[in-house]
Amino acid sequence: MKRFLANFLSVILIPLLAPTYLYIIILFFFPQTAHVINLSDKLLAILYIALTTTLLPFIVVFILYKRKVISDLTLHRQEDRTIPQIFSCVIYLGISLFLVKQVGFSNPLALSMIAVTISVMFLTIITPFWKISTHACGAWGMFAILYVLQYRFYESNFVILYYVILASVIGVCLARLYLKVHTPLQVLAGSILGTAIGFSLFHFYLA
């Protein structure tokens, strides 16, 4: 049961899903910050970000796996992570530049992608030398962004989900340790990196 829960948390908080989660929360709980009110526009934005930041990178990973460039779809091995992360950097950078042009740098939709892009760039640089936790980085980066949003634009309807997310973020870090995928220091480093990037961008640049 513990292993099932650890694997479950690792799947639902896989870093590729972080941008989609952020878009859903921003557009449905803090729509005034993104200036997107129409429901169809919200759904299109979520679909766009899900396809480009989750599905497209997964297709790249699947192709690399089929061509035997990487050995495992889960990317547990440190050696398997660098090439997919480089592809993700290119994809995310392109999306970030597009969003900045469309909605402006200080819009939370653009800032979310910029935070993810910067995080992935740092992870790509670090990973060949050390297996830093991408799960911890993505989860705490996402929570740091939500913390700033909830602090500045308090939304009572978001309170319960806010604490559920916090518990899940803590849980996924414990899960990575339980599964022996990372050491405590690797999880701590990923947590600090994600938190620092997410908090800094939204604290200083969110309009």
Protein backbone atom coordinates (compact mmCIF):
# COMPACT_ATOMS: atom_id res chain seq x y z
CA MET A 1 0.00 0.00 0.00
CA LYS A 2 2.81 2.43 0.86
CA ARG A 3 4.60 1.69 -2.40
CA PHE A 4 1.37 2.13 -4.36
CA LEU A 5 0.76 5.51 -2.71
CA ALA A 6 4.37 6.59 -3.33
CA ASN A 7 4.10 5.64 -7.01
CA PHE A 8 0.68 7.30 -7.28
CA LEU A 9 1.99 10.60 -5.90
CA SER A 10 5.01 10.38 -8.19
CA VAL A 11 2.73 10.02 -11.21
CA ILE A 12 0.17 12.73 -10.39
CA LEU A 13 2.96 15.19 -9.52
CA ILE A 14 5.23 14.33 -12.42
CA PRO A 15 6.94 17.61 -13.41
CA LEU A 16 5.45 17.54 -16.92
CA LEU A 17 2.01 18.16 -15.41
CA ALA A 18 2.99 21.23 -13.37
CA PRO A 19 2.25 23.83 -16.11
CA THR A 20 -1.20 22.32 -16.74
CA TYR A 21 -2.04 22.29 -13.02
CA LEU A 22 -0.92 25.91 -12.71
CA TYR A 23 -3.03 27.01 -15.67
CA ILE A 24 -6.13 25.25 -14.32
CA ILE A 25 -5.74 26.88 -10.90
CA ILE A 26 -4.86 30.35 -12.21
CA LEU A 27 -7.67 30.41 -14.77
CA PHE A 28 -10.39 29.06 -12.46
CA PHE A 29 -9.39 30.47 -9.07
CA PHE A 30 -7.46 33.64 -10.00
CA PRO A 31 -8.83 34.59 -13.45
CA GLN A 32 -8.57 38.32 -12.68
CA THR A 33 -4.78 38.06 -12.60
CA ALA A 34 -4.60 36.49 -16.05
CA HIS A 35 -7.33 38.67 -17.59
CA VAL A 36 -9.05 35.61 -19.08
CA ILE A 37 -12.76 35.51 -18.23
CA ASN A 38 -14.45 33.62 -21.07
CA LEU A 39 -14.82 29.88 -20.33
CA SER A 40 -13.95 28.80 -23.86
CA ASP A 41 -10.75 30.87 -23.73
CA LYS A 42 -9.80 29.25 -20.41
CA LEU A 43 -10.36 25.75 -21.77
CA LEU A 44 -8.41 26.50 -24.95
CA ALA A 45 -5.49 27.86 -22.92
CA ILE A 46 -5.45 24.75 -20.72
CA LEU A 47 -5.66 22.46 -23.75
CA TYR A 48 -2.84 24.34 -25.47
CA ILE A 49 -0.54 24.17 -22.45
CA ALA A 50 -1.36 20.50 -21.80
CA LEU A 51 -0.59 19.51 -25.40
CA THR A 52 2.64 21.49 -25.64
CA THR A 53 4.12 20.99 -22.17
CA THR A 54 2.91 17.48 -21.31
CA LEU A 55 1.98 15.53 -24.43
CA LEU A 56 4.71 16.85 -26.75
CA PRO A 57 7.61 16.20 -24.31
CA PHE A 58 6.17 12.74 -23.55
CA ILE A 59 6.09 11.95 -27.28
CA VAL A 60 9.75 12.99 -27.46
CA VAL A 61 10.58 10.69 -24.53
CA PHE A 62 8.62 7.83 -26.13
CA ILE A 63 10.46 8.24 -29.44
CA LEU A 64 13.82 8.32 -27.63
CA TYR A 65 12.83 5.16 -25.76
CA LYS A 66 11.75 3.37 -28.93
CA ARG A 67 15.02 4.34 -30.61
CA LYS A 68 16.87 3.03 -27.53
CA VAL A 69 18.43 6.42 -26.81
CA ILE A 70 17.06 6.08 -23.28
CA SER A 71 16.42 2.85 -21.39
CA ASP A 72 13.28 3.69 -19.39
CA LEU A 73 10.19 5.83 -19.88
CA THR A 74 10.24 6.81 -16.19
CA LEU A 75 13.69 8.42 -16.56
CA HIS A 76 14.80 7.02 -13.21
CA ARG A 77 18.37 6.66 -14.48
CA GLN A 78 20.43 9.83 -14.31
CA GLU A 79 21.95 9.14 -17.74
CA ASP A 80 18.49 9.02 -19.36
CA ARG A 81 17.43 12.48 -18.25
CA THR A 82 19.72 14.89 -20.07
CA ILE A 83 18.49 14.52 -23.66
CA PRO A 84 14.76 14.70 -22.79
CA GLN A 85 15.46 17.70 -20.57
CA ILE A 86 17.25 19.48 -23.41
CA PHE A 87 14.23 18.90 -25.67
CA SER A 88 11.95 20.20 -22.90
CA CYS A 89 14.11 23.32 -22.53
CA VAL A 90 13.70 24.09 -26.23
CA ILE A 91 9.94 23.47 -26.17
CA TYR A 92 9.35 25.43 -22.96
CA LEU A 93 11.53 28.35 -24.06
CA GLY A 94 9.54 28.65 -27.28
CA ILE A 95 6.24 28.61 -25.37
CA SER A 96 7.52 31.18 -22.87
CA LEU A 97 8.60 33.58 -25.60
CA PHE A 98 5.26 33.16 -27.35
CA LEU A 99 3.32 33.87 -24.13
CA VAL A 100 5.42 36.92 -23.26
CA LYS A 101 4.66 38.32 -26.71
CA GLN A 102 0.93 37.54 -26.40
CA VAL A 103 0.10 38.43 -22.78
CA GLY A 104 3.17 40.22 -21.39
CA PHE A 105 5.96 39.18 -19.06
CA SER A 106 4.11 39.95 -15.80
CA ASN A 107 1.01 37.91 -16.65
CA PRO A 108 0.87 34.80 -14.40
CA LEU A 109 0.34 32.54 -17.42
CA ALA A 110 3.62 33.72 -18.92
CA LEU A 111 5.42 33.83 -15.56
CA SER A 112 4.39 30.23 -14.86
CA MET A 113 6.00 29.03 -18.07
CA ILE A 114 9.07 31.18 -17.50
CA ALA A 115 9.46 29.66 -14.01
CA VAL A 116 9.12 26.14 -15.43
CA THR A 117 11.57 26.91 -18.24
CA ILE A 118 14.21 28.33 -15.89
CA SER A 119 13.78 25.35 -13.55
CA VAL A 120 14.23 22.86 -16.38
CA MET A 121 17.30 24.73 -17.61
CA PHE A 122 18.91 24.52 -14.17
CA LEU A 123 17.96 20.85 -13.87
CA THR A 124 19.46 20.15 -17.31
CA ILE A 125 22.73 21.76 -16.27
CA ILE A 126 22.88 19.97 -12.91
CA THR A 127 21.64 16.49 -13.89
CA PRO A 128 24.77 15.23 -15.76
CA PHE A 129 26.74 15.80 -12.57
CA TRP A 130 24.18 15.04 -9.87
CA LYS A 131 20.73 13.41 -9.76
CA ILE A 132 18.80 16.33 -8.28
CA SER A 133 15.10 15.64 -7.73
CA THR A 134 13.00 16.98 -10.60
CA HIS A 135 9.81 15.96 -8.75
CA ALA A 136 10.74 18.07 -5.72
CA CYS A 137 11.75 21.00 -7.92
CA GLY A 138 8.53 20.93 -9.92
CA ALA A 139 6.24 20.36 -6.93
CA TRP A 140 7.73 23.04 -4.68
CA GLY A 141 8.06 25.46 -7.59
CA MET A 142 4.36 25.05 -8.29
CA PHE A 143 3.45 25.49 -4.62
CA ALA A 144 5.64 28.60 -4.28
CA ILE A 145 3.74 30.18 -7.18
CA LEU A 146 0.39 29.28 -5.60
CA TYR A 147 1.55 30.62 -2.25
CA VAL A 148 2.25 34.05 -3.76
CA LEU A 149 -1.06 34.06 -5.64
CA GLN A 150 -3.06 33.08 -2.56
CA TYR A 151 -1.20 35.58 -0.38
CA ARG A 152 -1.69 38.51 -2.76
CA PHE A 153 -5.14 37.66 -4.16
CA TYR A 154 -6.71 35.66 -1.33
CA GLU A 155 -9.40 33.32 -2.63
CA SER A 156 -11.50 31.55 0.01
CA ASN A 157 -12.67 28.90 -2.45
CA PHE A 158 -9.06 27.87 -2.98
CA VAL A 159 -8.14 27.30 0.69
CA ILE A 160 -8.99 23.59 0.90
CA LEU A 161 -7.31 22.77 -2.40
CA TYR A 162 -4.31 24.89 -1.34
CA TYR A 163 -3.68 22.67 1.68
CA VAL A 164 -4.37 19.50 -0.29
CA ILE A 165 -1.68 20.58 -2.74
CA LEU A 166 0.73 21.39 0.11
CA ALA A 167 0.18 17.93 1.62
CA SER A 168 0.69 16.35 -1.82
CA VAL A 169 3.91 18.29 -2.38
CA ILE A 170 5.30 17.13 0.95
CA GLY A 171 4.03 13.64 0.19
CA VAL A 172 5.77 13.38 -3.19
CA CYS A 173 9.10 14.36 -1.61
CA LEU A 174 8.66 11.61 0.98
CA ALA A 175 7.60 9.25 -1.79
CA ARG A 176 10.81 9.84 -3.75
CA LEU A 177 12.78 8.98 -0.60
CA TYR A 178 10.63 5.92 0.14
CA LEU A 179 11.14 4.61 -3.40
CA LYS A 180 14.89 5.21 -2.96
CA VAL A 181 14.98 7.22 -6.21
CA HIS A 182 16.76 10.11 -4.50
CA THR A 183 18.77 10.89 -1.39
CA PRO A 184 17.47 13.44 1.15
CA LEU A 185 20.00 15.98 -0.10
CA GLN A 186 18.85 15.57 -3.71
CA VAL A 187 15.23 16.10 -2.67
CA LEU A 188 16.15 19.10 -0.52
CA ALA A 189 18.16 20.67 -3.34
CA GLY A 190 15.30 20.22 -5.81
CA SER A 191 12.86 21.70 -3.29
CA ILE A 192 15.02 24.77 -2.70
CA LEU A 193 15.64 25.30 -6.41
CA GLY A 194 11.96 25.10 -7.36
CA THR A 195 10.83 27.27 -4.45
CA ALA A 196 13.45 29.93 -5.12
CA ILE A 197 12.59 30.25 -8.82
CA GLY A 198 8.80 30.15 -8.44
CA PHE A 199 8.67 32.49 -5.45
CA SER A 200 11.18 35.00 -6.82
CA LEU A 201 9.49 35.40 -10.21
CA PHE A 202 5.98 35.79 -8.83
CA HIS A 203 6.98 37.90 -5.82
CA PHE A 204 8.96 40.42 -7.84
CA TYR A 205 7.33 40.43 -11.29
CA LEU A 206 3.66 39.49 -10.95
CA ALA A 207 1.55 42.47 -11.96
